[in-house]
Amino acid sequence: MATQKTTTPTDPLTLEVVDLIGTVVARYHEEYEEAAGEHSLTGAQARLLSLLSLEPLPMRRLAQKLKCEPSNVTGIVDRLEARGLVERRPNPKDRRVKLAAVTEEGRRLARGLRESLDFAREPLAGLSREERLALRGLLRRMLEG
């Protein structure tokens, strides 16, 4: 006998929180795309640059993080490399694998992009340090699942 999965209606508070999270994410993406455009970058190029500003990564890992095909990442890296923002390096752990790494100019640009995203900074400034710590903790718990 097959068991049926029962669904319970989601309470209005949870639905409102989900809508608010969606609104925050949409505003973030909109501002990120605008900031990227001001530097003649696409959103994907800006995201890749941001990822590489943390650490050099192999193309396959970049594709996983960006949720796209490795061939798309190759094209993005090619365009960023042509602008002097990214370079390819051999992986010291496996010289058959190339790492994409941000150049110093790319690091400056990634920092500038991050600093120009102020849609959340202003509302967050209205929260006390304790409230920001609580929000950070709640968001981390949500991401940990």
N, C-alpha and C. Protein backbone atom coordinates (compact mmCIF):
# COMPACT_ATOMS: atom_id res chain seq x y z
N MET A 1 0.84 -1.17 0.00
CA MET A 1 0.00 0.00 0.00
C MET A 1 0.89 1.24 0.00
N ALA A 2 0.71 2.11 -0.94
CA ALA A 2 1.52 3.33 -1.06
C ALA A 2 1.07 4.36 -0.03
N THR A 3 2.06 4.99 0.55
CA THR A 3 1.72 6.04 1.51
C THR A 3 1.59 7.36 0.78
N GLN A 4 0.62 8.13 1.18
CA GLN A 4 0.43 9.43 0.56
C GLN A 4 1.08 10.49 1.43
N LYS A 5 1.73 11.41 0.77
CA LYS A 5 2.36 12.51 1.47
C LYS A 5 1.29 13.57 1.71
N THR A 6 1.14 13.95 2.95
CA THR A 6 0.14 14.98 3.24
C THR A 6 0.84 16.34 3.29
N THR A 7 0.18 17.30 2.74
CA THR A 7 0.73 18.64 2.79
C THR A 7 -0.10 19.49 3.73
N THR A 8 0.56 20.31 4.48
CA THR A 8 -0.14 21.21 5.37
C THR A 8 -0.03 22.62 4.81
N PRO A 9 -1.08 23.37 4.93
CA PRO A 9 -0.99 24.74 4.42
C PRO A 9 0.05 25.54 5.22
N THR A 10 0.77 26.36 4.51
CA THR A 10 1.79 27.18 5.16
C THR A 10 1.10 28.36 5.83
N ASP A 11 1.55 28.67 7.01
CA ASP A 11 0.91 29.76 7.75
C ASP A 11 1.22 31.10 7.10
N PRO A 12 0.37 32.10 7.31
CA PRO A 12 0.56 33.41 6.67
C PRO A 12 1.89 34.08 7.03
N LEU A 13 2.38 33.90 8.24
CA LEU A 13 3.65 34.50 8.63
C LEU A 13 4.79 33.95 7.78
N THR A 14 4.82 32.62 7.61
CA THR A 14 5.87 32.00 6.79
C THR A 14 5.78 32.50 5.34
N LEU A 15 4.56 32.58 4.81
CA LEU A 15 4.39 33.08 3.44
C LEU A 15 4.89 34.52 3.32
N GLU A 16 4.62 35.35 4.32
CA GLU A 16 5.08 36.74 4.28
C GLU A 16 6.61 36.81 4.33
N VAL A 17 7.22 35.99 5.19
CA VAL A 17 8.69 35.97 5.28
C VAL A 17 9.29 35.52 3.96
N VAL A 18 8.71 34.49 3.34
CA VAL A 18 9.20 34.02 2.04
C VAL A 18 9.10 35.14 1.00
N ASP A 19 7.97 35.86 0.99
CA ASP A 19 7.82 36.98 0.05
C ASP A 19 8.86 38.06 0.31
N LEU A 20 9.11 38.37 1.58
CA LEU A 20 10.09 39.40 1.92
C LEU A 20 11.50 38.98 1.49
N ILE A 21 11.84 37.72 1.71
CA ILE A 21 13.15 37.21 1.27
C ILE A 21 13.26 37.33 -0.25
N GLY A 22 12.19 36.98 -0.95
CA GLY A 22 12.19 37.08 -2.41
C GLY A 22 12.38 38.52 -2.88
N THR A 23 11.75 39.45 -2.18
CA THR A 23 11.90 40.87 -2.53
C THR A 23 13.32 41.35 -2.31
N VAL A 24 13.93 40.93 -1.20
CA VAL A 24 15.32 41.31 -0.91
C VAL A 24 16.25 40.74 -1.98
N VAL A 25 16.05 39.47 -2.33
CA VAL A 25 16.90 38.83 -3.35
C VAL A 25 16.73 39.54 -4.70
N ALA A 26 15.51 39.87 -5.07
CA ALA A 26 15.27 40.54 -6.35
C ALA A 26 15.93 41.92 -6.37
N ARG A 27 15.82 42.66 -5.27
CA ARG A 27 16.46 43.98 -5.20
C ARG A 27 17.97 43.85 -5.26
N TYR A 28 18.52 42.84 -4.61
CA TYR A 28 19.97 42.61 -4.64
C TYR A 28 20.42 42.35 -6.09
N HIS A 29 19.73 41.44 -6.78
CA HIS A 29 20.12 41.11 -8.16
C HIS A 29 19.98 42.32 -9.08
N GLU A 30 18.92 43.09 -8.90
CA GLU A 30 18.73 44.27 -9.73
C GLU A 30 19.87 45.26 -9.53
N GLU A 31 20.23 45.53 -8.29
CA GLU A 31 21.31 46.48 -8.02
C GLU A 31 22.66 45.91 -8.47
N TYR A 32 22.84 44.60 -8.32
CA TYR A 32 24.09 43.97 -8.73
C TYR A 32 24.26 44.10 -10.24
N GLU A 33 23.18 43.86 -10.99
CA GLU A 33 23.24 43.99 -12.46
C GLU A 33 23.56 45.43 -12.85
N GLU A 34 22.95 46.40 -12.17
CA GLU A 34 23.22 47.82 -12.46
C GLU A 34 24.68 48.16 -12.17
N ALA A 35 25.18 47.70 -11.02
CA ALA A 35 26.57 47.98 -10.65
C ALA A 35 27.52 47.34 -11.66
N ALA A 36 27.21 46.12 -12.08
CA ALA A 36 28.05 45.43 -13.07
C ALA A 36 28.05 46.22 -14.38
N GLY A 37 26.88 46.67 -14.81
CA GLY A 37 26.76 47.43 -16.05
C GLY A 37 27.57 48.71 -16.03
N GLU A 38 27.66 49.34 -14.86
CA GLU A 38 28.45 50.58 -14.75
C GLU A 38 29.94 50.33 -14.99
N HIS A 39 30.36 49.06 -14.88
CA HIS A 39 31.75 48.69 -15.13
C HIS A 39 31.88 47.89 -16.43
N SER A 40 30.86 48.00 -17.28
CA SER A 40 30.81 47.28 -18.56
C SER A 40 30.96 45.78 -18.38
N LEU A 41 30.33 45.25 -17.33
CA LEU A 41 30.32 43.82 -17.07
C LEU A 41 28.89 43.31 -17.11
N THR A 42 28.74 42.03 -17.46
CA THR A 42 27.44 41.39 -17.30
C THR A 42 27.34 40.92 -15.85
N GLY A 43 26.14 40.57 -15.45
CA GLY A 43 25.97 40.04 -14.10
C GLY A 43 26.80 38.79 -13.87
N ALA A 44 26.84 37.91 -14.87
CA ALA A 44 27.62 36.66 -14.74
C ALA A 44 29.11 36.97 -14.60
N GLN A 45 29.61 37.94 -15.37
CA GLN A 45 31.02 38.31 -15.26
C GLN A 45 31.32 38.87 -13.87
N ALA A 46 30.42 39.69 -13.36
CA ALA A 46 30.62 40.28 -12.03
C ALA A 46 30.60 39.20 -10.96
N ARG A 47 29.68 38.24 -11.07
CA ARG A 47 29.61 37.15 -10.07
C ARG A 47 30.88 36.30 -10.11
N LEU A 48 31.35 36.00 -11.32
CA LEU A 48 32.57 35.21 -11.45
C LEU A 48 33.76 35.96 -10.84
N LEU A 49 33.85 37.24 -11.12
CA LEU A 49 34.92 38.06 -10.56
C LEU A 49 34.86 38.07 -9.04
N SER A 50 33.66 38.18 -8.52
CA SER A 50 33.46 38.17 -7.07
C SER A 50 33.92 36.84 -6.46
N LEU A 51 33.55 35.73 -7.10
CA LEU A 51 33.98 34.41 -6.61
C LEU A 51 35.50 34.28 -6.63
N LEU A 52 36.10 34.74 -7.72
CA LEU A 52 37.55 34.60 -7.84
C LEU A 52 38.30 35.54 -6.92
N SER A 53 37.64 36.60 -6.45
CA SER A 53 38.32 37.50 -5.51
C SER A 53 38.51 36.82 -4.16
N LEU A 54 37.79 35.74 -3.92
CA LEU A 54 37.94 34.97 -2.68
C LEU A 54 39.07 33.95 -2.79
N GLU A 55 39.15 33.29 -3.96
CA GLU A 55 40.19 32.27 -4.19
C GLU A 55 40.21 31.86 -5.65
N PRO A 56 41.36 31.45 -6.18
CA PRO A 56 41.41 30.91 -7.54
C PRO A 56 40.62 29.59 -7.58
N LEU A 57 39.94 29.35 -8.68
CA LEU A 57 39.13 28.14 -8.80
C LEU A 57 39.27 27.52 -10.18
N PRO A 58 39.16 26.19 -10.26
CA PRO A 58 39.14 25.54 -11.57
C PRO A 58 37.82 25.85 -12.28
N MET A 59 37.83 25.80 -13.60
CA MET A 59 36.66 26.12 -14.39
C MET A 59 35.43 25.28 -14.00
N ARG A 60 35.64 24.01 -13.77
CA ARG A 60 34.52 23.13 -13.43
C ARG A 60 33.85 23.58 -12.13
N ARG A 61 34.66 23.97 -11.15
CA ARG A 61 34.11 24.43 -9.86
C ARG A 61 33.37 25.76 -10.03
N LEU A 62 33.92 26.64 -10.87
CA LEU A 62 33.23 27.90 -11.17
C LEU A 62 31.87 27.63 -11.80
N ALA A 63 31.82 26.69 -12.72
CA ALA A 63 30.56 26.34 -13.38
C ALA A 63 29.55 25.83 -12.35
N GLN A 64 30.01 25.00 -11.42
CA GLN A 64 29.11 24.51 -10.37
C GLN A 64 28.58 25.66 -9.53
N LYS A 65 29.45 26.56 -9.12
CA LYS A 65 29.04 27.68 -8.26
C LYS A 65 28.09 28.64 -9.00
N LEU A 66 28.33 28.83 -10.30
CA LEU A 66 27.48 29.72 -11.08
C LEU A 66 26.26 29.00 -11.66
N LYS A 67 26.22 27.68 -11.47
CA LYS A 67 25.12 26.85 -11.97
C LYS A 67 24.95 27.01 -13.49
N CYS A 68 26.07 26.82 -14.19
CA CYS A 68 26.03 26.87 -15.65
C CYS A 68 27.02 25.86 -16.22
N GLU A 69 27.05 25.76 -17.52
CA GLU A 69 27.92 24.81 -18.20
C GLU A 69 29.37 25.30 -18.19
N PRO A 70 30.35 24.38 -18.08
CA PRO A 70 31.76 24.79 -18.12
C PRO A 70 32.12 25.59 -19.37
N SER A 71 31.48 25.30 -20.51
CA SER A 71 31.80 26.04 -21.73
C SER A 71 31.38 27.51 -21.59
N ASN A 72 30.31 27.78 -20.85
CA ASN A 72 29.91 29.18 -20.60
C ASN A 72 30.96 29.88 -19.75
N VAL A 73 31.50 29.18 -18.76
CA VAL A 73 32.51 29.76 -17.88
C VAL A 73 33.76 30.08 -18.68
N THR A 74 34.11 29.22 -19.61
CA THR A 74 35.29 29.46 -20.45
C THR A 74 35.14 30.79 -21.19
N GLY A 75 33.97 31.03 -21.76
CA GLY A 75 33.73 32.29 -22.47
C GLY A 75 33.79 33.50 -21.55
N ILE A 76 33.23 33.37 -20.37
CA ILE A 76 33.24 34.47 -19.40
C ILE A 76 34.68 34.77 -18.99
N VAL A 77 35.44 33.72 -18.69
CA VAL A 77 36.84 33.90 -18.29
C VAL A 77 37.64 34.51 -19.44
N ASP A 78 37.38 34.05 -20.67
CA ASP A 78 38.08 34.62 -21.83
C ASP A 78 37.88 36.13 -21.90
N ARG A 79 36.62 36.58 -21.75
CA ARG A 79 36.33 38.01 -21.84
C ARG A 79 36.97 38.79 -20.69
N LEU A 80 36.94 38.24 -19.48
CA LEU A 80 37.56 38.92 -18.34
C LEU A 80 39.07 38.92 -18.46
N GLU A 81 39.62 37.85 -19.02
CA GLU A 81 41.07 37.78 -19.22
C GLU A 81 41.51 38.82 -20.25
N ALA A 82 40.71 39.01 -21.28
CA ALA A 82 41.04 40.01 -22.31
C ALA A 82 41.07 41.42 -21.73
N ARG A 83 40.32 41.65 -20.66
CA ARG A 83 40.30 42.97 -20.00
C ARG A 83 41.34 43.08 -18.89
N GLY A 84 42.10 42.00 -18.67
CA GLY A 84 43.14 42.04 -17.64
C GLY A 84 42.61 41.88 -16.22
N LEU A 85 41.40 41.34 -16.08
CA LEU A 85 40.78 41.19 -14.77
C LEU A 85 40.98 39.79 -14.18
N VAL A 86 41.25 38.83 -15.05
CA VAL A 86 41.40 37.42 -14.66
C VAL A 86 42.56 36.83 -15.44
N GLU A 87 43.21 35.85 -14.85
CA GLU A 87 44.26 35.12 -15.56
C GLU A 87 44.11 33.63 -15.27
N ARG A 88 44.65 32.84 -16.18
CA ARG A 88 44.66 31.39 -15.98
C ARG A 88 46.03 31.00 -15.44
N ARG A 89 46.03 30.11 -14.45
CA ARG A 89 47.28 29.62 -13.85
C ARG A 89 47.21 28.10 -13.72
N PRO A 90 48.36 27.45 -13.76
CA PRO A 90 48.35 26.01 -13.49
C PRO A 90 48.02 25.78 -12.00
N ASN A 91 47.28 24.74 -11.75
CA ASN A 91 46.96 24.37 -10.37
C ASN A 91 48.20 23.73 -9.76
N PRO A 92 48.72 24.28 -8.65
CA PRO A 92 49.94 23.71 -8.06
C PRO A 92 49.75 22.26 -7.59
N LYS A 93 48.50 21.86 -7.32
CA LYS A 93 48.23 20.49 -6.86
C LYS A 93 48.09 19.51 -8.02
N ASP A 94 47.71 20.02 -9.20
CA ASP A 94 47.54 19.17 -10.38
C ASP A 94 47.76 20.05 -11.60
N ARG A 95 48.95 20.00 -12.16
CA ARG A 95 49.32 20.93 -13.22
C ARG A 95 48.54 20.70 -14.51
N ARG A 96 47.77 19.62 -14.58
CA ARG A 96 46.91 19.41 -15.76
C ARG A 96 45.68 20.32 -15.71
N VAL A 97 45.37 20.80 -14.51
CA VAL A 97 44.17 21.62 -14.30
C VAL A 97 44.57 23.09 -14.25
N LYS A 98 43.81 23.92 -14.97
CA LYS A 98 44.02 25.37 -14.93
C LYS A 98 43.07 26.00 -13.92
N LEU A 99 43.61 26.95 -13.18
CA LEU A 99 42.80 27.73 -12.26
C LEU A 99 42.54 29.10 -12.86
N ALA A 100 41.36 29.61 -12.67
CA ALA A 100 41.09 31.01 -13.02
C ALA A 100 41.38 31.80 -11.75
N ALA A 101 42.12 32.87 -11.89
CA ALA A 101 42.50 33.69 -10.73
C ALA A 101 42.31 35.15 -11.07
N VAL A 102 41.86 35.91 -10.10
CA VAL A 102 41.65 37.34 -10.28
C VAL A 102 43.00 38.06 -10.27
N THR A 103 43.16 39.06 -11.12
CA THR A 103 44.36 39.89 -11.10
C THR A 103 44.15 40.99 -10.05
N GLU A 104 45.17 41.76 -9.80
CA GLU A 104 45.02 42.86 -8.83
C GLU A 104 43.96 43.84 -9.30
N GLU A 105 43.94 44.14 -10.59
CA GLU A 105 42.92 45.04 -11.14
C GLU A 105 41.52 44.43 -10.97
N GLY A 106 41.41 43.12 -11.20
CA GLY A 106 40.13 42.43 -11.00
C GLY A 106 39.69 42.46 -9.55
N ARG A 107 40.64 42.34 -8.64
CA ARG A 107 40.33 42.39 -7.20
C ARG A 107 39.80 43.78 -6.83
N ARG A 108 40.42 44.82 -7.37
CA ARG A 108 39.96 46.19 -7.10
C ARG A 108 38.54 46.40 -7.62
N LEU A 109 38.29 45.89 -8.83
CA LEU A 109 36.97 46.03 -9.42
C LEU A 109 35.92 45.26 -8.61
N ALA A 110 36.25 44.04 -8.19
CA ALA A 110 35.32 43.23 -7.39
C ALA A 110 35.01 43.95 -6.07
N ARG A 111 36.03 44.54 -5.45
CA ARG A 111 35.82 45.27 -4.20
C ARG A 111 34.91 46.48 -4.44
N GLY A 112 35.16 47.18 -5.53
CA GLY A 112 34.33 48.34 -5.88
C GLY A 112 32.88 47.96 -6.11
N LEU A 113 32.67 46.83 -6.79
CA LEU A 113 31.30 46.34 -7.00
C LEU A 113 30.62 46.05 -5.67
N ARG A 114 31.32 45.35 -4.80
CA ARG A 114 30.76 44.98 -3.50
C ARG A 114 30.42 46.23 -2.69
N GLU A 115 31.31 47.20 -2.72
CA GLU A 115 31.09 48.43 -1.95
C GLU A 115 29.98 49.30 -2.53
N SER A 116 29.69 49.15 -3.82
CA SER A 116 28.65 49.98 -4.43
C SER A 116 27.25 49.43 -4.18
N LEU A 117 27.14 48.23 -3.66
CA LEU A 117 25.83 47.65 -3.38
C LEU A 117 25.32 48.15 -2.03
N ASP A 118 24.56 49.24 -2.08
CA ASP A 118 24.17 49.83 -0.81
C ASP A 118 22.69 49.71 -0.50
N PHE A 119 21.90 48.96 -1.32
CA PHE A 119 20.48 48.87 -1.04
C PHE A 119 20.22 48.28 0.34
N ALA A 120 21.04 47.34 0.77
CA ALA A 120 20.83 46.71 2.08
C ALA A 120 21.58 47.44 3.17
N ARG A 121 22.65 48.12 2.80
CA ARG A 121 23.48 48.78 3.81
C ARG A 121 22.68 49.83 4.58
N GLU A 122 21.89 50.64 3.86
CA GLU A 122 21.14 51.69 4.54
C GLU A 122 20.10 51.13 5.49
N PRO A 123 19.24 50.20 5.06
CA PRO A 123 18.28 49.64 6.01
C PRO A 123 18.97 48.90 7.17
N LEU A 124 20.07 48.21 6.87
CA LEU A 124 20.78 47.49 7.94
C LEU A 124 21.38 48.46 8.95
N ALA A 125 21.77 49.65 8.49
CA ALA A 125 22.34 50.65 9.40
C ALA A 125 21.30 51.10 10.42
N GLY A 126 20.02 50.95 10.08
CA GLY A 126 18.95 51.30 11.01
C GLY A 126 18.74 50.27 12.10
N LEU A 127 19.39 49.13 11.97
CA LEU A 127 19.28 48.08 12.99
C LEU A 127 20.44 48.21 13.97
N SER A 128 20.18 47.85 15.20
CA SER A 128 21.26 47.86 16.19
C SER A 128 22.24 46.74 15.88
N ARG A 129 23.40 46.79 16.49
CA ARG A 129 24.39 45.72 16.32
C ARG A 129 23.79 44.37 16.73
N GLU A 130 23.05 44.35 17.83
CA GLU A 130 22.44 43.11 18.31
C GLU A 130 21.42 42.56 17.29
N GLU A 131 20.65 43.47 16.68
CA GLU A 131 19.68 43.04 15.68
C GLU A 131 20.38 42.48 14.44
N ARG A 132 21.47 43.13 14.02
CA ARG A 132 22.22 42.63 12.86
C ARG A 132 22.84 41.28 13.17
N LEU A 133 23.36 41.10 14.40
CA LEU A 133 23.92 39.81 14.80
C LEU A 133 22.83 38.73 14.80
N ALA A 134 21.65 39.09 15.31
CA ALA A 134 20.54 38.13 15.33
C ALA A 134 20.13 37.76 13.91
N LEU A 135 20.03 38.76 13.02
CA LEU A 135 19.66 38.50 11.64
C LEU A 135 20.70 37.60 10.97
N ARG A 136 21.98 37.91 11.18
CA ARG A 136 23.04 37.08 10.61
C ARG A 136 22.91 35.64 11.10
N GLY A 137 22.68 35.47 12.37
CA GLY A 137 22.53 34.12 12.93
C GLY A 137 21.34 33.38 12.33
N LEU A 138 20.24 34.06 12.18
CA LEU A 138 19.05 33.43 11.60
C LEU A 138 19.30 33.05 10.14
N LEU A 139 19.93 33.93 9.38
CA LEU A 139 20.22 33.62 7.98
C LEU A 139 21.18 32.43 7.87
N ARG A 140 22.17 32.40 8.74
CA ARG A 140 23.10 31.26 8.72
C ARG A 140 22.37 29.96 9.04
N ARG A 141 21.47 30.00 10.02
CA ARG A 141 20.70 28.79 10.37
C ARG A 141 19.85 28.34 9.19
N MET A 142 19.24 29.29 8.49
CA MET A 142 18.43 28.94 7.33
C MET A 142 19.28 28.27 6.26
N LEU A 143 20.49 28.78 6.05
CA LEU A 143 21.35 28.21 5.00
C LEU A 143 21.89 26.84 5.38
N GLU A 144 22.05 26.60 6.66
CA GLU A 144 22.54 25.30 7.12
C GLU A 144 21.47 24.23 6.97
N GLY A 145 20.22 24.66 6.84
CA GLY A 145 19.12 23.74 6.60
C GLY A 145 18.75 23.02 7.84
